[in-house]
Protein backbone atom coordinates (compact mmCIF):
# COMPACT_ATOMS: atom_id res chain seq x y z
CA MET A 1 -12.88 -29.52 94.57
CA LYS A 2 -9.41 -28.94 92.99
CA GLY A 3 -8.36 -25.77 91.56
CA LYS A 4 -5.96 -25.44 88.35
CA LYS A 5 -2.75 -24.61 88.03
CA LEU A 6 -2.28 -20.81 86.84
CA LYS A 7 -1.39 -20.71 83.10
CA GLU A 8 -1.51 -17.16 82.05
CA LEU A 9 -1.39 -14.01 83.55
CA PHE A 10 -2.99 -10.62 81.68
CA LEU A 11 -1.57 -7.21 83.14
CA HIS A 12 -4.20 -4.40 82.26
CA SER A 13 -2.68 -0.71 82.07
CA ARG A 14 -3.66 2.64 80.57
CA SER A 15 -0.79 3.79 80.14
CA VAL A 16 2.12 2.23 78.13
CA ILE A 17 4.15 -0.50 80.24
CA SER A 18 7.91 -0.11 79.75
CA ASP A 19 10.40 -3.20 78.75
CA GLU A 20 11.85 -2.24 82.55
CA GLU A 21 8.50 -2.62 84.35
CA PHE A 22 7.32 -5.59 82.35
CA SER A 23 10.86 -7.31 83.36
CA GLY A 24 9.54 -6.54 86.91
CA TYR A 25 6.83 -8.33 86.37
CA LYS A 26 7.98 -11.04 84.27
CA GLU A 27 10.62 -11.98 87.62
CA ALA A 28 7.94 -12.09 89.71
CA CYS A 29 5.53 -14.35 87.85
CA PRO A 30 5.99 -17.91 88.35
CA LYS A 31 8.17 -19.64 85.61
CA ASN A 32 5.59 -21.76 83.79
CA VAL A 33 2.70 -18.82 83.88
CA LYS A 34 2.69 -16.59 80.43
CA LEU A 35 2.52 -13.21 81.11
CA VAL A 36 0.70 -10.66 78.63
CA GLY A 37 0.85 -7.01 78.97
CA VAL A 38 -2.28 -5.28 77.71
CA ARG A 39 -2.82 -1.27 77.31
CA VAL A 40 -6.58 -0.60 77.94
CA ARG A 41 -7.48 2.92 77.15
CA PRO A 42 -10.36 4.90 76.16
CA THR A 43 -9.62 7.03 72.74
CA SER A 44 -9.83 10.79 72.37
CA ARG A 45 -13.50 11.62 71.33
CA TYR A 46 -11.84 12.81 67.61
CA GLU A 47 -9.67 9.38 67.49
CA LEU A 48 -12.32 7.10 66.00
CA LYS A 49 -16.41 7.43 66.01
CA LEU A 50 -18.51 4.39 64.60
CA TYR A 51 -22.01 5.39 63.20
CA ARG A 52 -24.76 2.68 61.87
CA SER A 53 -27.66 3.62 60.13
CA GLY A 54 -31.10 4.35 62.22
CA LYS A 55 -31.58 6.54 65.26
CA MET A 56 -29.34 4.05 67.44
CA PRO A 57 -25.44 4.00 67.77
CA VAL A 58 -23.24 1.36 67.47
CA ILE A 59 -24.21 -1.77 69.13
CA ARG A 60 -22.27 -2.24 72.51
CA GLY A 61 -19.55 -5.34 72.13
CA THR A 62 -18.66 -4.22 68.30
CA TYR A 63 -14.83 -4.84 67.85
CA LEU A 64 -12.67 -3.87 65.28
CA LYS A 65 -9.48 -5.57 64.54
CA ILE A 66 -6.56 -3.46 63.56
CA ASN A 67 -4.02 -6.15 63.31
CA ASN A 68 -2.66 -9.12 65.43
CA LYS A 69 -1.78 -6.67 68.40
CA SER A 70 -4.49 -3.92 68.56
CA SER A 71 -8.37 -3.78 68.61
CA TYR A 72 -10.94 -1.38 69.00
CA LEU A 73 -14.02 -2.19 71.46
CA TRP A 74 -17.32 -0.24 71.95
CA GLY A 75 -17.66 -1.10 75.48
CA THR A 76 -21.15 1.05 75.64
CA GLY A 77 -23.53 1.23 72.74
CA PHE A 78 -27.06 0.33 71.89
CA LYS A 79 -28.14 -2.84 74.02
CA SER A 80 -30.17 -5.10 72.32
CA ARG A 81 -31.35 -7.07 74.75
CA LEU A 82 -32.76 -3.98 76.54
CA GLU A 83 -33.43 -2.08 73.23
CA THR A 84 -31.96 1.07 74.37
CA TYR A 85 -28.96 3.21 74.78
CA ASP A 86 -28.28 5.09 78.01
CA GLY A 87 -25.71 7.44 76.76
CA SER A 88 -25.98 10.59 75.35
CA GLU A 89 -23.22 11.14 72.86
CA VAL A 90 -21.94 8.83 70.16
CA PRO A 91 -19.93 5.92 72.09
CA ILE A 92 -16.48 6.18 72.26
CA PRO A 93 -14.32 2.95 72.01
CA LEU A 94 -11.68 1.47 73.86
CA ARG A 95 -8.09 0.73 72.11
CA ILE A 96 -6.81 -2.18 72.90
CA ASP A 97 -2.62 -3.09 72.39
CA LEU A 98 -1.06 -6.43 73.23
CA GLN A 99 2.14 -4.45 74.35
CA HIS A 100 4.21 -7.66 75.79
CA GLY A 101 3.89 -11.02 75.44
CA GLU A 102 1.77 -13.29 72.91
CA SER A 103 -1.89 -13.80 73.05
CA ASP A 104 -4.83 -13.74 70.27
CA ILE A 105 -6.25 -10.00 70.43
CA ASP A 106 -9.75 -11.78 69.72
CA GLN A 107 -9.89 -13.64 72.67
CA VAL A 108 -8.27 -10.92 74.73
CA THR A 109 -10.54 -8.23 73.58
CA SER A 110 -13.44 -10.73 74.20
CA ASP A 111 -12.24 -11.10 77.69
CA ILE A 112 -12.12 -7.34 78.34
CA PHE A 113 -15.56 -6.96 77.14
CA SER A 114 -16.57 -9.59 79.59
CA LEU A 115 -14.97 -7.33 82.21
CA THR A 116 -17.35 -4.52 81.09
CA LYS A 117 -20.35 -6.27 81.38
CA LEU A 118 -21.53 -5.71 85.39
CA ASN A 119 -19.34 -4.00 88.18
CA TYR A 120 -21.08 -5.43 91.32
CA ASN A 121 -19.45 -2.70 93.57
CA ALA A 122 -20.72 0.04 91.32
CA CYS A 123 -23.86 -1.52 90.56
CA LYS A 124 -23.16 -0.54 86.71
CA LEU A 125 -24.38 -2.65 83.79
CA GLY A 126 -22.46 -2.20 80.29
CA TYR A 127 -19.69 0.20 81.72
CA SER A 128 -17.54 1.50 79.04
CA GLN A 129 -14.06 0.05 80.73
CA PRO A 130 -13.32 -3.30 82.11
CA VAL A 131 -13.56 -3.42 85.79
CA THR A 132 -10.36 -3.81 86.05
CA ILE A 133 -9.24 -0.54 84.84
CA GLY A 134 -12.26 1.02 86.68
CA PHE A 135 -11.27 -0.31 89.99
CA SER A 136 -7.74 0.65 89.58
CA ASN A 137 -8.93 4.16 88.61
CA ALA A 138 -10.92 4.63 91.50
CA VAL A 139 -8.20 3.43 93.81
CA GLY A 140 -5.76 6.02 92.45
CA GLU A 141 -8.43 8.69 93.31
CA ILE A 142 -8.22 7.78 97.11
CA LEU A 143 -4.71 7.64 96.72
CA VAL A 144 -4.59 11.08 95.69
CA SER A 145 -7.59 12.88 97.41
CA ASN A 146 -6.02 14.18 100.45
CA PRO A 147 -2.90 15.90 100.22
CA PHE A 148 -2.07 16.01 103.76
CA VAL A 149 -1.53 12.12 103.99
CA GLU A 150 2.10 11.46 104.27
CA HIS A 151 2.33 7.68 104.15
CA ARG A 152 -0.13 6.14 101.70
CA SER A 153 -0.81 2.49 101.98
CA PRO A 154 -1.40 0.78 98.47
CA ASN A 155 -2.75 -2.46 100.24
CA PHE A 156 -5.79 -3.78 98.93
CA LYS A 157 -7.69 -4.19 101.95
CA PHE A 158 -8.22 -0.76 102.31
CA TYR A 159 -10.15 -0.13 99.25
CA ILE A 160 -12.85 -3.15 99.25
């Protein structure tokens, strides 16, 4: 079976991707590949909350489009198929911002939601953040957990 050529590459980051950083990524990216920088971060518990009538919270996967570059996505919430909500507080959405490049915010939000569905490595069903952000958080914690390590190796093979 033959694979397909890479057409698009999406960078997920919790923080702002500077113009200088994006230029570096773009330089490393193959010339015919579209590069898009996306900020994906949990909102503060005071930024935005959504309620629905009844006893259960907002349905997991609810999406609020702000404009063509920004949206909110509830990665947690009531799971209709399981008829339950496994949280204890009002769900907090992710804020999704297209910072660099062009893409359809509806499709980007849908793709990010797909990355929250099941994390096999952590046995989490319906995690609030996409696995791309959750995994990088875990690697970051490992990298800074031992203050006596002088030479850190960011190679992926050490974290799987």
